[in-house]
Amino acid sequence: MNHPSMLLAKQAAQPLLHKEVRGYAFFFAVVYFVQGIIDLTAGLANQPVQYLLKEDMGLSAAQTGFFFAVIGLGWTIKPLYGLLSDFFPLAGYHRKSYLLLMSALGTGSWCALAFFPPHYSSVL
């Protein structure tokens, strides 16, 4: 004897049995998990950064908040970046040229950090 709600539940769960859908579900679960760990503004990686800012550098809560606001600024302007790359292609490419340019800028920034003195105040 099949109850209508049981039949509906079986039909709703059926798409999850497909291998492709399970693969996508696993992918999104892994991405969600990794973002929760490495997100510098709210994830697990935030804990040592907060300790560094508070204990080692002696920043106030307002200064720490400003620091994390600046870090999150890139995600805030992401839609603007998308529009910019869509409307103004560089070298004939909409995304690739911007990705290469920003990757080079990021690499240069990380390399520049190697030449700063060991005091963090010069980085902030």
Protein backbone atom coordinates (compact mmCIF):
# COMPACT_ATOMS: atom_id res chain seq x y z
CA MET A 1 0.00 0.00 0.00
CA ASN A 2 1.64 3.19 -1.21
CA HIS A 3 0.67 6.38 0.48
CA PRO A 4 0.68 9.41 -1.90
CA SER A 5 3.22 11.27 0.23
CA MET A 6 5.58 8.26 0.18
CA LEU A 7 5.30 8.08 -3.60
CA LEU A 8 6.03 11.79 -3.87
CA ALA A 9 9.08 11.45 -1.60
CA LYS A 10 10.43 8.60 -3.75
CA GLN A 11 10.00 10.67 -6.90
CA ALA A 12 11.72 13.67 -5.32
CA ALA A 13 14.72 11.57 -4.24
CA GLN A 14 15.11 9.83 -7.58
CA PRO A 15 17.20 12.55 -9.31
CA LEU A 16 19.79 12.25 -6.54
CA LEU A 17 20.46 8.69 -7.60
CA HIS A 18 22.02 9.73 -10.88
CA LYS A 19 25.80 9.58 -10.84
CA GLU A 20 26.24 13.00 -12.47
CA VAL A 21 24.02 14.74 -9.94
CA ARG A 22 25.85 13.09 -7.06
CA GLY A 23 29.14 14.25 -8.56
CA TYR A 24 27.93 17.84 -8.70
CA ALA A 25 26.56 17.61 -5.18
CA PHE A 26 29.91 16.32 -3.94
CA PHE A 27 31.76 19.09 -5.77
CA PHE A 28 29.61 21.84 -4.27
CA ALA A 29 29.87 20.27 -0.82
CA VAL A 30 33.68 20.26 -1.04
CA VAL A 31 33.77 23.86 -2.28
CA TYR A 32 31.43 24.97 0.51
CA PHE A 33 33.56 23.16 3.09
CA VAL A 34 36.85 24.61 1.82
CA GLN A 35 35.43 28.13 1.70
CA GLY A 36 34.35 27.77 5.31
CA ILE A 37 37.87 26.85 6.33
CA ILE A 38 39.96 29.32 4.34
CA ASP A 39 37.71 32.40 4.27
CA LEU A 40 39.86 35.06 5.93
CA THR A 41 36.89 37.15 7.02
CA ALA A 42 34.85 34.44 8.74
CA GLY A 43 36.41 31.00 8.34
CA LEU A 44 38.76 28.89 10.39
CA ALA A 45 41.79 30.68 8.95
CA ASN A 46 40.43 33.86 10.52
CA GLN A 47 41.39 32.76 14.04
CA PRO A 48 45.18 33.12 13.79
CA VAL A 49 44.80 36.36 11.84
CA GLN A 50 42.56 37.81 14.55
CA TYR A 51 45.05 36.73 17.20
CA LEU A 52 47.91 38.33 15.26
CA LEU A 53 46.04 41.60 14.85
CA LYS A 54 44.85 41.76 18.45
CA GLU A 55 47.70 40.34 20.49
CA ASP A 56 50.85 40.90 18.45
CA MET A 57 49.96 44.16 16.76
CA GLY A 58 47.68 45.58 19.45
CA LEU A 59 44.95 46.72 17.07
CA SER A 60 41.61 47.82 18.46
CA ALA A 61 38.32 46.22 17.48
CA ALA A 62 37.61 49.09 15.08
CA GLN A 63 41.00 48.73 13.40
CA THR A 64 40.55 44.97 13.11
CA GLY A 65 37.10 45.49 11.62
CA PHE A 66 38.53 47.93 9.09
CA PHE A 67 41.24 45.41 8.19
CA PHE A 68 38.66 42.70 7.47
CA ALA A 69 36.48 45.17 5.56
CA VAL A 70 39.40 45.92 3.26
CA ILE A 71 40.04 42.20 2.80
CA GLY A 72 36.38 41.63 1.88
CA LEU A 73 36.33 44.53 -0.55
CA GLY A 74 37.37 42.30 -3.44
CA TRP A 75 34.26 40.17 -3.04
CA THR A 76 32.11 43.27 -2.75
CA ILE A 77 33.23 44.70 -6.09
CA LYS A 78 33.10 41.34 -7.88
CA PRO A 79 29.90 42.22 -9.82
CA LEU A 80 31.51 45.46 -10.97
CA TYR A 81 34.57 43.52 -12.11
CA GLY A 82 32.29 41.20 -14.09
CA LEU A 83 30.60 44.11 -15.84
CA LEU A 84 33.94 45.76 -16.54
CA SER A 85 35.37 42.64 -18.14
CA ASP A 86 32.19 42.08 -20.16
CA PHE A 87 31.98 45.59 -21.59
CA PHE A 88 35.69 46.38 -22.02
CA PRO A 89 37.67 43.41 -23.34
CA LEU A 90 41.46 43.57 -23.13
CA ALA A 91 43.40 42.19 -26.10
CA GLY A 92 40.18 40.76 -27.51
CA TYR A 93 39.39 38.63 -24.45
CA HIS A 94 36.66 39.29 -21.92
CA ARG A 95 37.91 37.26 -18.97
CA LYS A 96 41.28 35.73 -19.78
CA SER A 97 43.20 38.99 -20.08
CA TYR A 98 41.75 40.34 -16.82
CA LEU A 99 42.55 37.09 -15.02
CA LEU A 100 46.13 37.15 -16.28
CA LEU A 101 46.53 40.82 -15.36
CA MET A 102 45.16 40.33 -11.84
CA SER A 103 47.18 37.14 -11.36
CA ALA A 104 50.33 39.03 -12.28
CA LEU A 105 49.36 41.83 -9.89
CA GLY A 106 48.73 39.32 -7.10
CA THR A 107 52.01 37.54 -7.76
CA GLY A 108 53.85 40.84 -7.72
CA SER A 109 52.18 41.76 -4.44
CA TRP A 110 53.22 38.49 -2.81
CA CYS A 111 56.77 38.94 -4.08
CA ALA A 112 56.83 42.51 -2.75
CA LEU A 113 55.93 41.19 0.70
CA ALA A 114 59.22 39.31 0.71
CA PHE A 115 61.08 42.62 0.68
CA PHE A 116 59.17 44.30 3.51
CA PRO A 117 60.74 44.41 6.94
CA PRO A 118 59.44 41.80 9.39
CA HIS A 119 57.18 44.37 11.06
CA TYR A 120 53.57 44.00 10.00
CA SER A 121 52.73 47.68 10.29
CA SER A 122 54.38 48.39 6.94
CA VAL A 123 52.05 45.90 5.26
CA LEU A 124 48.92 47.39 6.79
